[in-house]
Amino acid sequence: AGKPGLNCRIDIELEDERLCIRTDE
Protein backbone atom coordinates (compact mmCIF):
# COMPACT_ATOMS: atom_id res chain seq x y z
CA ALA A 1 0.00 0.00 0.00
CA GLY A 2 2.68 2.57 0.87
CA LYS A 3 1.88 6.15 1.87
CA PRO A 4 -0.35 8.35 -0.30
CA GLY A 5 1.35 11.03 -2.31
CA LEU A 6 2.30 12.74 -5.54
CA ASN A 7 5.81 13.71 -6.55
CA CYS A 8 6.74 15.48 -9.79
CA ARG A 9 9.13 17.80 -11.55
CA ILE A 10 8.42 20.01 -14.57
CA ASP A 11 11.45 20.97 -16.68
CA ILE A 12 10.90 23.86 -19.09
CA GLU A 13 13.34 25.18 -21.67
CA LEU A 14 12.68 28.75 -22.80
CA GLU A 15 14.69 30.70 -25.36
CA ASP A 16 17.21 32.02 -22.82
CA GLU A 17 16.60 30.10 -19.57
CA ARG A 18 15.60 26.82 -18.01
CA LEU A 19 12.91 26.51 -15.35
CA CYS A 20 12.32 23.67 -12.92
CA ILE A 21 9.04 23.43 -11.02
CA ARG A 22 8.87 20.73 -8.34
CA THR A 23 6.10 19.56 -6.08
CA ASP A 24 6.16 21.44 -2.79
CA GLU A 25 3.77 23.07 -0.30
PDB file of all heavy atoms in Angstrom:
ATOM      1  N   ALA A   1       0.809  -1.217   0.000  1.00  0.00           N
ATOM      2  CA  ALA A   1       0.000   0.000   0.000  1.00  0.00           C
ATOM      3  C   ALA A   1       0.845   1.270   0.000  1.00  0.00           C
ATOM      4  O   ALA A   1       0.570   2.202  -0.735  1.00  0.00           O
ATOM      5  CB  ALA A   1      -0.937   0.003   1.202  1.00  0.00           C
ATOM      6  N   GLY A   2       1.877   1.356   0.817  1.00  0.00           N
ATOM      7  CA  GLY A   2       2.683   2.575   0.873  1.00  0.00           C
ATOM      8  C   GLY A   2       1.903   3.758   1.419  1.00  0.00           C
ATOM      9  O   GLY A   2       0.745   3.636   1.805  1.00  0.00           O
ATOM     10  N   LYS A   3       2.537   4.924   1.418  1.00  0.00           N
ATOM     11  CA  LYS A   3       1.880   6.153   1.870  1.00  0.00           C
ATOM     12  C   LYS A   3       1.308   6.876   0.659  1.00  0.00           C
ATOM     13  O   LYS A   3       1.879   6.816  -0.426  1.00  0.00           O
ATOM     14  CB  LYS A   3       2.881   7.062   2.575  1.00  0.00           C
ATOM     15  CG  LYS A   3       3.379   6.506   3.887  1.00  0.00           C
ATOM     16  CD  LYS A   3       4.177   7.548   4.659  1.00  0.00           C
ATOM     17  CE  LYS A   3       5.574   7.644   4.130  1.00  0.00           C
ATOM     18  NZ  LYS A   3       6.443   8.511   4.920  1.00  0.00           N
ATOM     19  N   PRO A   4       0.197   7.607   0.834  1.00  0.00           N
ATOM     20  CA  PRO A   4      -0.351   8.350  -0.299  1.00  0.00           C
ATOM     21  C   PRO A   4       0.565   9.512  -0.663  1.00  0.00           C
ATOM     22  O   PRO A   4       1.258  10.057   0.194  1.00  0.00           O
ATOM     23  CB  PRO A   4      -1.696   8.849   0.221  1.00  0.00           C
ATOM     24  CG  PRO A   4      -1.505   8.964   1.692  1.00  0.00           C
ATOM     25  CD  PRO A   4      -0.574   7.843   2.061  1.00  0.00           C
ATOM     26  N   GLY A   5       0.570   9.873  -1.932  1.00  0.00           N
ATOM     27  CA  GLY A   5       1.353  11.034  -2.313  1.00  0.00           C
ATOM     28  C   GLY A   5       1.544  11.183  -3.805  1.00  0.00           C
ATOM     29  O   GLY A   5       1.328  10.262  -4.577  1.00  0.00           O
ATOM     30  N   LEU A   6       1.944  12.390  -4.175  1.00  0.00           N
ATOM     31  CA  LEU A   6       2.297  12.744  -5.545  1.00  0.00           C
ATOM     32  C   LEU A   6       3.660  13.413  -5.489  1.00  0.00           C
ATOM     33  O   LEU A   6       3.950  14.183  -4.572  1.00  0.00           O
ATOM     34  CB  LEU A   6       1.289  13.728  -6.141  1.00  0.00           C
ATOM     35  CG  LEU A   6       1.706  14.346  -7.489  1.00  0.00           C
ATOM     36  CD1 LEU A   6       1.540  13.330  -8.606  1.00  0.00           C
ATOM     37  CD2 LEU A   6       0.929  15.592  -7.779  1.00  0.00           C
ATOM     38  N   ASN A   7       4.488  13.123  -6.477  1.00  0.00           N
ATOM     39  CA  ASN A   7       5.814  13.713  -6.551  1.00  0.00           C
ATOM     40  C   ASN A   7       6.107  13.976  -8.017  1.00  0.00           C
ATOM     41  O   ASN A   7       6.009  13.065  -8.839  1.00  0.00           O
ATOM     42  CB  ASN A   7       6.847  12.748  -5.959  1.00  0.00           C
ATOM     43  CG  ASN A   7       8.200  13.365  -5.751  1.00  0.00           C
ATOM     44  OD1 ASN A   7       8.493  14.426  -6.272  1.00  0.00           O
ATOM     45  ND2 ASN A   7       9.035  12.685  -4.990  1.00  0.00           N
ATOM     46  N   CYS A   8       6.421  15.219  -8.380  1.00  0.00           N
ATOM     47  CA  CYS A   8       6.738  15.479  -9.788  1.00  0.00           C
ATOM     48  C   CYS A   8       7.683  16.654  -9.961  1.00  0.00           C
ATOM     49  O   CYS A   8       7.907  17.436  -9.036  1.00  0.00           O
ATOM     50  CB  CYS A   8       5.479  15.634 -10.628  1.00  0.00           C
ATOM     51  SG  CYS A   8       4.586  17.140 -10.428  1.00  0.00           S
ATOM     52  N   ARG A   9       8.231  16.723 -11.156  1.00  0.00           N
ATOM     53  CA  ARG A   9       9.133  17.801 -11.553  1.00  0.00           C
ATOM     54  C   ARG A   9       8.790  18.188 -12.986  1.00  0.00           C
ATOM     55  O   ARG A   9       8.669  17.332 -13.861  1.00  0.00           O
ATOM     56  CB  ARG A   9      10.580  17.335 -11.476  1.00  0.00           C
ATOM     57  CG  ARG A   9      11.586  18.431 -11.844  1.00  0.00           C
ATOM     58  CD  ARG A   9      13.023  17.925 -11.876  1.00  0.00           C
ATOM     59  NE  ARG A   9      13.200  17.095 -13.065  1.00  0.00           N
ATOM     60  CZ  ARG A   9      13.835  15.923 -13.074  1.00  0.00           C
ATOM     61  NH1 ARG A   9      14.317  15.409 -11.976  1.00  0.00           N
ATOM     62  NH2 ARG A   9      13.970  15.253 -14.192  1.00  0.00           N
ATOM     63  N   ILE A  10       8.667  19.486 -13.229  1.00  0.00           N
ATOM     64  CA  ILE A  10       8.415  20.013 -14.567  1.00  0.00           C
ATOM     65  C   ILE A  10       9.674  20.743 -15.010  1.00  0.00           C
ATOM     66  O   ILE A  10      10.137  21.658 -14.327  1.00  0.00           O
ATOM     67  CB  ILE A  10       7.215  20.988 -14.572  1.00  0.00           C
ATOM     68  CG1 ILE A  10       5.986  20.332 -13.951  1.00  0.00           C
ATOM     69  CG2 ILE A  10       6.946  21.485 -15.984  1.00  0.00           C
ATOM     70  CD1 ILE A  10       4.880  21.308 -13.601  1.00  0.00           C
ATOM     71  N   ASP A  11      10.257  20.324 -16.121  1.00  0.00           N
ATOM     72  CA  ASP A  11      11.447  20.967 -16.676  1.00  0.00           C
ATOM     73  C   ASP A  11      11.039  21.701 -17.941  1.00  0.00           C
ATOM     74  O   ASP A  11      10.478  21.089 -18.860  1.00  0.00           O
ATOM     75  CB  ASP A  11      12.521  19.920 -16.999  1.00  0.00           C
ATOM     76  CG  ASP A  11      13.063  19.275 -15.740  1.00  0.00           C
ATOM     77  OD1 ASP A  11      13.558  20.013 -14.868  1.00  0.00           O
ATOM     78  OD2 ASP A  11      12.991  18.034 -15.628  1.00  0.00           O
ATOM     79  N   ILE A  12      11.322  23.018 -17.975  1.00  0.00           N
ATOM     80  CA  ILE A  12      10.900  23.859 -19.091  1.00  0.00           C
ATOM     81  C   ILE A  12      12.120  24.574 -19.663  1.00  0.00           C
ATOM     82  O   ILE A  12      12.907  25.180 -18.932  1.00  0.00           O
ATOM     83  CB  ILE A  12       9.853  24.898 -18.635  1.00  0.00           C
ATOM     84  CG1 ILE A  12       8.650  24.184 -18.017  1.00  0.00           C
ATOM     85  CG2 ILE A  12       9.440  25.793 -19.796  1.00  0.00           C
ATOM     86  CD1 ILE A  12       7.707  25.096 -17.272  1.00  0.00           C
ATOM     87  N   GLU A  13      12.251  24.491 -20.989  1.00  0.00           N
ATOM     88  CA  GLU A  13      13.344  25.181 -21.674  1.00  0.00           C
ATOM     89  C   GLU A  13      12.759  26.326 -22.490  1.00  0.00           C
ATOM     90  O   GLU A  13      12.028  26.115 -23.461  1.00  0.00           O
ATOM     91  CB  GLU A  13      14.084  24.208 -22.592  1.00  0.00           C
ATOM     92  CG  GLU A  13      15.259  24.831 -23.278  1.00  0.00           C
ATOM     93  CD  GLU A  13      15.973  23.853 -24.203  1.00  0.00           C
ATOM     94  OE1 GLU A  13      15.671  22.645 -24.177  1.00  0.00           O
ATOM     95  OE2 GLU A  13      16.826  24.328 -24.967  1.00  0.00           O
ATOM     96  N   LEU A  14      13.080  27.554 -22.066  1.00  0.00           N
ATOM     97  CA  LEU A  14      12.682  28.747 -22.799  1.00  0.00           C
ATOM     98  C   LEU A  14      13.833  29.166 -23.703  1.00  0.00           C
ATOM     99  O   LEU A  14      14.881  28.519 -23.719  1.00  0.00           O
ATOM    100  CB  LEU A  14      12.320  29.866 -21.821  1.00  0.00           C
ATOM    101  CG  LEU A  14      11.149  29.558 -20.875  1.00  0.00           C
ATOM    102  CD1 LEU A  14      11.007  30.652 -19.839  1.00  0.00           C
ATOM    103  CD2 LEU A  14       9.856  29.371 -21.650  1.00  0.00           C
ATOM    104  N   GLU A  15      13.659  30.236 -24.432  1.00  0.00           N
ATOM    105  CA  GLU A  15      14.691  30.704 -25.359  1.00  0.00           C
ATOM    106  C   GLU A  15      16.022  30.967 -24.651  1.00  0.00           C
ATOM    107  O   GLU A  15      17.074  30.603 -25.142  1.00  0.00           O
ATOM    108  CB  GLU A  15      14.208  31.980 -26.073  1.00  0.00           C
ATOM    109  CG  GLU A  15      15.049  32.385 -27.248  1.00  0.00           C
ATOM    110  CD  GLU A  15      15.002  31.366 -28.378  1.00  0.00           C
ATOM    111  OE1 GLU A  15      13.932  30.806 -28.655  1.00  0.00           O
ATOM    112  OE2 GLU A  15      16.070  31.140 -28.984  1.00  0.00           O
ATOM    113  N   ASP A  16      15.960  31.611 -23.484  1.00  0.00           N
ATOM    114  CA  ASP A  16      17.205  32.017 -22.820  1.00  0.00           C
ATOM    115  C   ASP A  16      17.344  31.530 -21.373  1.00  0.00           C
ATOM    116  O   ASP A  16      18.219  31.989 -20.647  1.00  0.00           O
ATOM    117  CB  ASP A  16      17.338  33.537 -22.852  1.00  0.00           C
ATOM    118  CG  ASP A  16      16.134  34.228 -22.235  1.00  0.00           C
ATOM    119  OD1 ASP A  16      15.143  33.541 -21.924  1.00  0.00           O
ATOM    120  OD2 ASP A  16      16.185  35.449 -22.060  1.00  0.00           O
ATOM    121  N   GLU A  17      16.494  30.616 -20.934  1.00  0.00           N
ATOM    122  CA  GLU A  17      16.601  30.095 -19.572  1.00  0.00           C
ATOM    123  C   GLU A  17      15.905  28.754 -19.428  1.00  0.00           C
ATOM    124  O   GLU A  17      15.104  28.363 -20.267  1.00  0.00           O
ATOM    125  CB  GLU A  17      16.043  31.089 -18.543  1.00  0.00           C
ATOM    126  CG  GLU A  17      14.539  31.265 -18.594  1.00  0.00           C
ATOM    127  CD  GLU A  17      14.020  32.224 -17.536  1.00  0.00           C
ATOM    128  OE1 GLU A  17      14.377  32.078 -16.354  1.00  0.00           O
ATOM    129  OE2 GLU A  17      13.246  33.116 -17.911  1.00  0.00           O
ATOM    130  N   ARG A  18      16.245  28.083 -18.352  1.00  0.00           N
ATOM    131  CA  ARG A  18      15.603  26.815 -18.012  1.00  0.00           C
ATOM    132  C   ARG A  18      14.895  26.986 -16.675  1.00  0.00           C
ATOM    133  O   ARG A  18      15.446  27.578 -15.751  1.00  0.00           O
ATOM    134  CB  ARG A  18      16.622  25.686 -17.900  1.00  0.00           C
ATOM    135  CG  ARG A  18      17.217  25.281 -19.219  1.00  0.00           C
ATOM    136  CD  ARG A  18      18.218  24.146 -19.016  1.00  0.00           C
ATOM    137  NE  ARG A  18      18.830  23.788 -20.272  1.00  0.00           N
ATOM    138  CZ  ARG A  18      18.449  22.764 -21.020  1.00  0.00           C
ATOM    139  NH1 ARG A  18      17.459  21.992 -20.622  1.00  0.00           N
ATOM    140  NH2 ARG A  18      19.058  22.501 -22.152  1.00  0.00           N
ATOM    141  N   LEU A  19      13.685  26.459 -16.592  1.00  0.00           N
ATOM    142  CA  LEU A  19      12.915  26.513 -15.354  1.00  0.00           C
ATOM    143  C   LEU A  19      12.675  25.103 -14.848  1.00  0.00           C
ATOM    144  O   LEU A  19      12.511  24.170 -15.636  1.00  0.00           O
ATOM    145  CB  LEU A  19      11.563  27.187 -15.589  1.00  0.00           C
ATOM    146  CG  LEU A  19      11.574  28.601 -16.149  1.00  0.00           C
ATOM    147  CD1 LEU A  19      10.154  29.047 -16.450  1.00  0.00           C
ATOM    148  CD2 LEU A  19      12.231  29.546 -15.161  1.00  0.00           C
ATOM    149  N   CYS A  20      12.628  24.959 -13.537  1.00  0.00           N
ATOM    150  CA  CYS A  20      12.315  23.672 -12.920  1.00  0.00           C
ATOM    151  C   CYS A  20      11.277  23.921 -11.839  1.00  0.00           C
ATOM    152  O   CYS A  20      11.507  24.691 -10.905  1.00  0.00           O
ATOM    153  CB  CYS A  20      13.576  23.045 -12.330  1.00  0.00           C
ATOM    154  SG  CYS A  20      13.266  21.436 -11.594  1.00  0.00           S
ATOM    155  N   ILE A  21      10.124  23.306 -11.992  1.00  0.00           N
ATOM    156  CA  ILE A  21       9.042  23.434 -11.019  1.00  0.00           C
ATOM    157  C   ILE A  21       8.855  22.069 -10.381  1.00  0.00           C
ATOM    158  O   ILE A  21       8.610  21.086 -11.080  1.00  0.00           O
ATOM    159  CB  ILE A  21       7.733  23.899 -11.699  1.00  0.00           C
ATOM    160  CG1 ILE A  21       7.957  25.251 -12.375  1.00  0.00           C
ATOM    161  CG2 ILE A  21       6.595  23.950 -10.691  1.00  0.00           C
ATOM    162  CD1 ILE A  21       6.828  25.678 -13.289  1.00  0.00           C
ATOM    163  N   ARG A  22       8.993  22.004  -9.072  1.00  0.00           N
ATOM    164  CA  ARG A  22       8.871  20.733  -8.342  1.00  0.00           C
ATOM    165  C   ARG A  22       7.683  20.780  -7.389  1.00  0.00           C
ATOM    166  O   ARG A  22       7.276  21.857  -6.957  1.00  0.00           O
ATOM    167  CB  ARG A  22      10.140  20.468  -7.534  1.00  0.00           C
ATOM    168  CG  ARG A  22      11.388  20.320  -8.385  1.00  0.00           C
ATOM    169  CD  ARG A  22      12.627  20.222  -7.508  1.00  0.00           C
ATOM    170  NE  ARG A  22      13.844  20.275  -8.283  1.00  0.00           N
ATOM    171  CZ  ARG A  22      14.584  19.222  -8.591  1.00  0.00           C
ATOM    172  NH1 ARG A  22      14.232  18.025  -8.193  1.00  0.00           N
ATOM    173  NH2 ARG A  22      15.683  19.355  -9.292  1.00  0.00           N
ATOM    174  N   THR A  23       7.167  19.605  -7.070  1.00  0.00           N
ATOM    175  CA  THR A  23       6.097  19.557  -6.079  1.00  0.00           C
ATOM    176  C   THR A  23       6.637  20.048  -4.742  1.00  0.00           C
ATOM    177  O   THR A  23       7.726  19.684  -4.327  1.00  0.00           O
ATOM    178  CB  THR A  23       5.523  18.137  -5.920  1.00  0.00           C
ATOM    179  OG1 THR A  23       6.582  17.194  -5.870  1.00  0.00           O
ATOM    180  CG2 THR A  23       4.561  17.783  -7.028  1.00  0.00           C
ATOM    181  N   ASP A  24       5.839  20.911  -4.102  1.00  0.00           N
ATOM    182  CA  ASP A  24       6.159  21.436  -2.786  1.00  0.00           C
ATOM    183  C   ASP A  24       4.862  21.908  -2.138  1.00  0.00           C
ATOM    184  O   ASP A  24       3.770  21.634  -2.664  1.00  0.00           O
ATOM    185  CB  ASP A  24       7.202  22.563  -2.867  1.00  0.00           C
ATOM    186  CG  ASP A  24       6.743  23.760  -3.692  1.00  0.00           C
ATOM    187  OD1 ASP A  24       5.524  23.916  -3.936  1.00  0.00           O
ATOM    188  OD2 ASP A  24       7.602  24.556  -4.100  1.00  0.00           O
ATOM    189  N   GLU A  25       4.963  22.648  -1.046  1.00  0.00           N
ATOM    190  CA  GLU A  25       3.771  23.072  -0.305  1.00  0.00           C
ATOM    191  C   GLU A  25       2.914  24.077  -1.061  1.00  0.00           C
ATOM    192  O   GLU A  25       1.786  24.365  -0.652  1.00  0.00           O
ATOM    193  CB  GLU A  25       4.173  23.637   1.069  1.00  0.00           C
ATOM    194  CG  GLU A  25       4.927  24.952   1.028  1.00  0.00           C
ATOM    195  CD  GLU A  25       6.412  24.817   0.695  1.00  0.00           C
ATOM    196  OE1 GLU A  25       6.950  23.691   0.657  1.00  0.00           O
ATOM    197  OE2 GLU A  25       7.039  25.853   0.446  1.00  0.00           O
TER     198      GLU A  25
END
